């Protein structure tokens, strides 16, 4: 069944095409930028101090020039260091310049970009999302309870930031929608022998759930690593009735196996008696022996033997 199961692309939801894709932002190592910024701050502060001394002596007009130049250099250095960013492993920075997306910083460590840009932190770590226990009706209309856990990760930071309002809430909502859709498409237990069911074909249903989740969240730049059902049961109001039905089915299946085995043993016994020809049985006695053997072999209690002290026909 698992080898022949395929997800029909027409059954998957259609999401809008993304308008923006992730690109790498232009950045330089932050250590060099920090060093240049500190040098500029020191030179600016030194220029202001030296200019103040010269201006205090009143001997030259160069003091005012040094003060202005030092002030500009100090302000420029401090402003330039505002472009420094610390990026931790498993994180990224989405860079925007006056509202326009200019790229994403994924290289961890200290990086420097244009200080006029805004940088939004976004996590690229693997996350878990577990739905609450949902109560829905399966394909046969029976109320069931189910829950699922989804392992996901942001693959495209630009789509996660600009294509949806809140990508975490988006994943949560789409996961619940996908679980509900899967639940109403398949029964909890299939009545047909080759029919798919939530309980009997967990691997196939999980594969379809992952495919539908991937189609639903790809607009947000999210990839589904794994998805599994963590809870699957009939609703409490019908659980006892469905348990009796399952028990009855198990009893019928067990009895069928017992009867098949008993018939084979009786057939073998009658065949051996006839082949060895150590006793001759007419049709009536043969039928009685078959009946007695089936009662002994198929009964759910130990038989109480009755010894015949007479002849075979008395």
Protein backbone atom coordinates (compact mmCIF):
# COMPACT_ATOMS: atom_id res chain seq x y z
CA UNK A 1 0.00 0.00 0.00
CA UNK A 2 2.81 2.40 0.91
CA UNK A 3 4.55 1.81 -2.44
CA UNK A 4 1.44 2.65 -4.48
CA UNK A 5 0.32 5.65 -2.40
CA UNK A 6 0.78 8.97 -4.16
CA UNK A 7 -0.45 12.44 -3.27
CA UNK A 8 -2.53 13.97 -6.04
CA UNK A 9 -1.23 17.49 -6.76
CA UNK A 10 -4.79 18.60 -7.49
CA UNK A 11 -5.75 17.80 -3.88
CA UNK A 12 -3.15 20.21 -2.48
CA UNK A 13 -4.13 23.82 -1.71
CA UNK A 14 -2.90 26.54 -4.08
CA UNK A 15 -1.02 29.34 -2.35
CA UNK A 16 -0.02 32.67 -3.94
CA UNK A 17 3.38 32.86 -5.60
CA UNK A 18 6.02 34.67 -3.50
CA UNK A 19 6.84 38.23 -4.48
CA UNK A 20 10.29 38.31 -2.89
CA UNK A 21 13.10 35.80 -2.50
CA UNK A 22 16.01 35.73 -0.07
CA UNK A 23 19.30 37.19 -1.24
CA UNK A 24 22.60 37.74 0.58
CA UNK A 25 23.10 41.20 2.05
CA UNK A 26 26.32 43.12 1.38
CA UNK A 27 28.29 43.16 4.61
CA UNK A 28 31.89 43.25 5.79
CA UNK A 29 33.55 41.64 8.82
CA UNK A 30 32.54 43.57 11.91
CA UNK A 31 35.97 43.39 13.55
CA UNK A 32 37.53 45.64 10.92
CA UNK A 33 34.61 48.06 11.07
CA UNK A 34 34.78 48.19 14.87
CA UNK A 35 38.51 48.89 14.79
CA UNK A 36 38.11 51.72 12.25
CA UNK A 37 35.24 53.15 14.26
CA UNK A 38 37.25 53.19 17.49
CA UNK A 39 40.19 54.80 15.70
CA UNK A 40 37.85 57.46 14.34
CA UNK A 41 36.40 58.12 17.80
CA UNK A 42 39.86 58.50 19.29
CA UNK A 43 41.06 60.78 16.49
CA UNK A 44 37.89 62.86 16.73
CA UNK A 45 38.18 63.22 20.50
CA UNK A 46 41.88 64.06 20.16
CA UNK A 47 41.17 66.68 17.50
CA UNK A 48 38.51 68.31 19.65
CA UNK A 49 40.87 68.38 22.64
CA UNK A 50 43.79 69.76 20.64
CA UNK A 51 41.59 72.34 18.95
CA UNK A 52 40.30 73.47 22.31
CA UNK A 53 43.84 74.05 23.57
CA UNK A 54 44.82 76.01 20.48
CA UNK A 55 41.65 78.08 20.59
CA UNK A 56 42.26 78.83 24.28
CA UNK A 57 45.70 80.28 23.54
CA UNK A 58 44.23 82.53 20.86
CA UNK A 59 47.39 82.23 18.81
CA UNK A 60 45.89 80.59 15.74
CA UNK A 61 42.56 80.05 13.98
CA UNK A 62 43.41 76.40 13.39
CA UNK A 63 41.92 75.47 16.73
CA UNK A 64 38.37 76.09 15.52
CA UNK A 65 39.05 74.03 12.42
CA UNK A 66 40.31 71.13 14.52
CA UNK A 67 37.30 71.31 16.78
CA UNK A 68 34.89 71.20 13.84
CA UNK A 69 36.80 68.40 12.11
CA UNK A 70 37.12 66.38 15.32
CA UNK A 71 33.41 66.79 16.05
CA UNK A 72 32.44 65.64 12.57
CA UNK A 73 34.84 62.68 12.76
CA UNK A 74 33.52 61.65 16.19
CA UNK A 75 29.89 61.84 15.10
CA UNK A 76 30.63 59.99 11.86
CA UNK A 77 32.51 57.22 13.67
CA UNK A 78 29.76 56.71 16.22
CA UNK A 79 27.16 56.71 13.45
CA UNK A 80 29.17 54.20 11.40
CA UNK A 81 29.45 51.82 14.35
CA UNK A 82 25.65 51.74 14.48
CA UNK A 83 25.90 49.43 11.47
CA UNK A 84 27.50 46.66 13.55
CA UNK A 85 25.43 43.51 14.08
CA UNK A 86 26.07 40.41 16.19
CA UNK A 87 24.58 37.37 14.45
CA UNK A 88 24.36 34.18 16.53
CA UNK A 89 24.35 30.67 15.01
CA UNK A 90 20.81 29.71 14.03
CA UNK A 91 19.82 33.32 13.46
CA UNK A 92 19.69 35.74 10.53
CA UNK A 93 19.19 39.47 9.98
CA UNK A 94 16.76 40.72 7.36
CA UNK A 95 18.13 44.06 6.09
CA UNK A 96 15.93 46.88 4.76
CA UNK A 97 16.94 50.27 3.41
CA UNK A 98 14.11 52.80 3.60
CA UNK A 99 11.57 49.96 3.45
CA UNK A 100 13.22 48.15 0.53
CA UNK A 101 14.56 44.64 1.13
CA UNK A 102 18.30 44.57 0.42
CA UNK A 103 19.30 41.10 1.64
CA UNK A 104 19.78 38.78 4.58
CA UNK A 105 22.83 38.28 6.79
CA UNK A 106 23.28 34.60 7.63
CA UNK A 107 27.01 34.60 8.46
CA UNK A 108 27.36 34.34 12.22
CA UNK A 109 29.65 36.62 14.17
CA UNK A 110 30.10 40.40 14.06
CA UNK A 111 29.11 41.93 10.72
CA UNK A 112 28.78 45.50 9.46
CA UNK A 113 26.19 46.86 7.03
CA UNK A 114 24.97 50.28 6.01
CA UNK A 115 23.98 52.05 9.28
CA UNK A 116 20.98 53.63 7.53
CA UNK A 117 19.37 50.20 7.19
CA UNK A 118 17.07 48.45 9.65
CA UNK A 119 17.86 44.87 10.64
CA UNK A 120 15.17 42.43 11.79
CA UNK A 121 16.22 39.37 13.73
CA UNK A 122 14.71 36.07 12.61
CA UNK A 123 15.41 32.56 13.92
CA UNK A 124 16.41 29.82 11.48
CA UNK A 125 16.50 27.09 14.11
CA UNK A 126 14.40 23.93 13.88
CA UNK A 127 11.15 24.31 15.83
CA UNK A 128 8.34 22.10 17.09
CA UNK A 129 4.67 22.91 16.95
CA UNK A 130 2.15 20.60 18.61
CA UNK A 131 -1.52 21.18 17.96
CA UNK A 132 -4.14 20.97 20.63
CA UNK A 133 -6.41 17.91 20.66
CA UNK A 134 -8.87 18.61 17.85
CA UNK A 135 -12.35 17.13 17.71
CA UNK A 136 -13.56 16.51 14.15
CA UNK A 137 -15.73 14.07 12.19
CA UNK A 138 -13.98 11.47 10.06
CA UNK A 139 -15.05 10.40 6.57
CA UNK A 140 -17.83 8.21 8.04
CA UNK A 141 -19.11 11.03 10.23
CA UNK A 142 -17.80 9.55 13.49
CA UNK A 143 -16.46 12.13 15.97
CA UNK A 144 -12.77 11.56 16.64
CA UNK A 145 -10.00 13.33 18.52
CA UNK A 146 -6.56 13.83 17.06
CA UNK A 147 -3.44 15.95 17.52
CA UNK A 148 -0.20 16.27 15.59
CA UNK A 149 3.33 17.56 16.07
CA UNK A 150 5.13 19.35 13.24
CA UNK A 151 8.87 19.96 13.02
CA UNK A 152 9.58 23.00 10.83
CA UNK A 153 12.28 25.51 9.96
CA UNK A 154 12.50 28.87 8.22
CA UNK A 155 14.21 28.34 4.87
CA UNK A 156 13.60 31.74 3.21
CA UNK A 157 13.83 34.64 5.64
CA UNK A 158 12.55 37.16 3.11
CA UNK A 159 9.33 35.25 2.52
CA UNK A 160 8.86 34.64 6.25
CA UNK A 161 9.18 38.39 6.90
CA UNK A 162 7.33 39.96 3.97
CA UNK A 163 4.93 37.36 2.55
CA UNK A 164 2.93 36.73 5.75
CA UNK A 165 2.03 38.89 8.70
CA UNK A 166 3.30 36.50 11.42
CA UNK A 167 4.99 33.35 10.16
CA UNK A 168 4.79 31.55 13.53
CA UNK A 169 1.04 32.08 13.77
CA UNK A 170 0.71 31.24 10.08
CA UNK A 171 2.38 27.85 10.58
CA UNK A 172 0.19 27.17 13.61
CA UNK A 173 -3.04 27.99 11.78
CA UNK A 174 -2.13 26.08 8.62
CA UNK A 175 -1.10 23.03 10.64
CA UNK A 176 -4.49 22.89 12.34
CA UNK A 177 -6.24 23.36 8.99
CA UNK A 178 -4.22 20.54 7.40
CA UNK A 179 -4.90 18.14 10.29
CA UNK A 180 -8.63 18.85 10.11
CA UNK A 181 -8.67 18.38 6.34
CA UNK A 182 -6.87 15.03 6.59
CA UNK A 183 -9.25 13.87 9.32
CA UNK A 184 -12.41 14.51 7.30
CA UNK A 185 -10.98 12.81 4.20
CA UNK A 186 -10.30 9.41 5.79
CA UNK A 187 -12.14 7.22 8.29
CA UNK A 188 -10.73 6.20 11.63
CA UNK A 189 -11.17 2.54 10.62
CA UNK A 190 -11.89 1.54 7.02
CA UNK A 191 -14.79 -0.83 6.37
CA UNK A 192 -13.30 -1.89 3.05
CA UNK A 193 -10.39 -4.29 3.07
CA UNK A 194 -8.07 -2.12 0.92
CA UNK A 195 -9.32 1.28 2.08
CA UNK A 196 -7.05 3.82 3.75
CA UNK A 197 -7.78 4.65 7.37
CA UNK A 198 -6.23 6.93 9.96
CA UNK A 199 -5.46 4.07 12.35
CA UNK A 200 -4.51 1.35 9.91
CA UNK A 201 -2.40 3.39 7.46
CA UNK A 202 -0.49 5.78 9.68
CA UNK A 203 2.55 6.02 7.39
CA UNK A 204 0.53 6.82 4.27
CA UNK A 205 -1.64 9.37 6.05
CA UNK A 206 1.45 11.00 7.60
CA UNK A 207 2.99 11.27 4.14
CA UNK A 208 -0.11 13.03 2.85
CA UNK A 209 -0.15 15.32 5.90
CA UNK A 210 3.46 16.33 5.27
CA UNK A 211 2.74 17.01 1.59
CA UNK A 212 -0.27 19.17 2.39
CA UNK A 213 1.58 21.06 5.12
CA UNK A 214 4.47 21.74 2.73
CA UNK A 215 2.07 23.15 0.16
CA UNK A 216 0.33 25.32 2.77
CA UNK A 217 3.39 26.89 4.40
CA UNK A 218 5.70 27.28 1.41
CA UNK A 219 4.36 30.81 0.90
CA UNK A 220 5.92 31.74 4.25
CA UNK A 221 9.34 30.36 3.30
CA UNK A 222 9.00 27.48 5.76
CA UNK A 223 10.01 23.86 5.20
CA UNK A 224 8.44 20.90 7.00
CA UNK A 225 11.06 18.57 8.46
CA UNK A 226 8.64 15.99 9.90
CA UNK A 227 5.01 15.64 10.91
CA UNK A 228 3.40 12.96 13.07
CA UNK A 229 0.07 12.28 14.74
CA UNK A 230 0.53 12.25 18.51
CA UNK A 231 -3.05 11.50 19.49
CA UNK A 232 -5.75 9.57 17.67
CA UNK A 233 -8.88 8.21 19.31
CA UNK A 234 -12.64 8.13 19.06
CA UNK A 235 -14.49 10.87 20.90
CA UNK A 236 -15.62 9.86 24.42
CA UNK A 237 -19.32 9.75 23.49
CA UNK A 238 -18.79 6.89 21.01
CA UNK A 239 -15.57 5.37 22.31
CA UNK A 240 -17.30 2.55 24.23
CA UNK A 241 -19.51 1.60 21.28
CA UNK A 242 -16.55 1.58 18.89
CA UNK A 243 -14.53 -0.47 21.37
CA UNK A 244 -17.26 -3.12 21.41
CA UNK A 245 -17.24 -3.10 17.61
CA UNK A 246 -13.47 -3.59 17.52
CA UNK A 247 -13.67 -6.35 20.10
CA UNK A 248 -16.41 -8.08 18.11
CA UNK A 249 -14.28 -7.85 14.98
CA UNK A 250 -11.32 -9.32 16.84
CA UNK A 251 -13.46 -12.19 18.16
CA UNK A 252 -14.81 -12.93 14.68
CA UNK A 253 -11.31 -12.90 13.21
CA UNK A 254 -10.02 -15.21 15.95
CA UNK A 255 -12.94 -17.61 15.50
CA UNK A 256 -12.36 -17.66 11.76
CA UNK A 257 -8.75 -18.65 12.32
CA UNK A 258 -9.76 -21.34 14.81
CA UNK A 259 -12.39 -22.79 12.45
CA UNK A 260 -9.96 -22.82 9.53
CA UNK A 261 -7.40 -24.67 11.62
CA UNK A 262 -9.98 -27.09 13.01
CA UNK A 263 -11.28 -27.96 9.56
CA UNK A 264 -7.76 -28.69 8.42
CA UNK A 265 -7.11 -30.93 11.41
CA UNK A 266 -10.41 -32.81 10.95
CA UNK A 267 -9.74 -33.26 7.25
CA UNK A 268 -6.29 -34.60 8.04
CA UNK A 269 -7.65 -36.97 10.70
CA UNK A 270 -10.40 -38.37 8.45
CA UNK A 271 -7.93 -38.77 5.61
CA UNK A 272 -5.44 -40.66 7.79
CA UNK A 273 -8.14 -42.97 9.16
CA UNK A 274 -9.34 -43.72 5.65
CA UNK A 275 -5.79 -44.22 4.36
CA UNK A 276 -4.68 -46.58 7.13
CA UNK A 277 -7.98 -48.46 7.03
CA UNK A 278 -7.80 -49.60 10.65
CA UNK A 279 -11.47 -48.77 11.23
CA UNK A 280 -14.35 -48.50 8.79
CA UNK A 281 -16.76 -45.62 9.25
CA UNK A 282 -20.02 -45.16 7.44
CA UNK A 283 -21.18 -41.70 6.44
CA UNK A 284 -23.31 -41.21 9.55
CA UNK A 285 -20.52 -42.17 11.97
CA UNK A 286 -18.04 -40.14 9.97
CA UNK A 287 -20.31 -37.11 10.25
CA UNK A 288 -20.66 -37.67 13.99
CA UNK A 289 -16.90 -37.92 14.42
CA UNK A 290 -16.38 -34.74 12.38
CA UNK A 291 -18.99 -32.96 14.50
CA UNK A 292 -17.38 -34.09 17.74
CA UNK A 293 -13.91 -33.07 16.59
CA UNK A 294 -15.12 -29.63 15.53
CA UNK A 295 -16.84 -29.12 18.87
CA UNK A 296 -13.67 -30.08 20.72
CA UNK A 297 -11.36 -27.98 18.57
CA UNK A 298 -13.58 -24.92 18.20
CA UNK A 299 -14.99 -24.74 21.72
CA UNK A 300 -13.80 -21.99 24.02
CA UNK A 301 -13.84 -24.33 27.02
CA UNK A 302 -12.11 -27.59 27.79
CA UNK A 303 -14.30 -30.51 26.61
CA UNK A 304 -15.68 -33.07 29.09
CA UNK A 305 -15.00 -36.48 27.56
CA UNK A 306 -17.65 -39.20 27.58
CA UNK A 307 -16.22 -42.70 27.47
CA UNK A 308 -18.04 -45.20 25.35
CA UNK A 309 -17.81 -48.61 27.09
CA UNK A 310 -19.79 -50.39 24.43
CA UNK A 311 -19.13 -50.85 20.76
CA UNK A 312 -18.63 -48.12 18.27
CA UNK A 313 -22.32 -48.24 17.29
CA UNK A 314 -23.84 -48.37 20.80
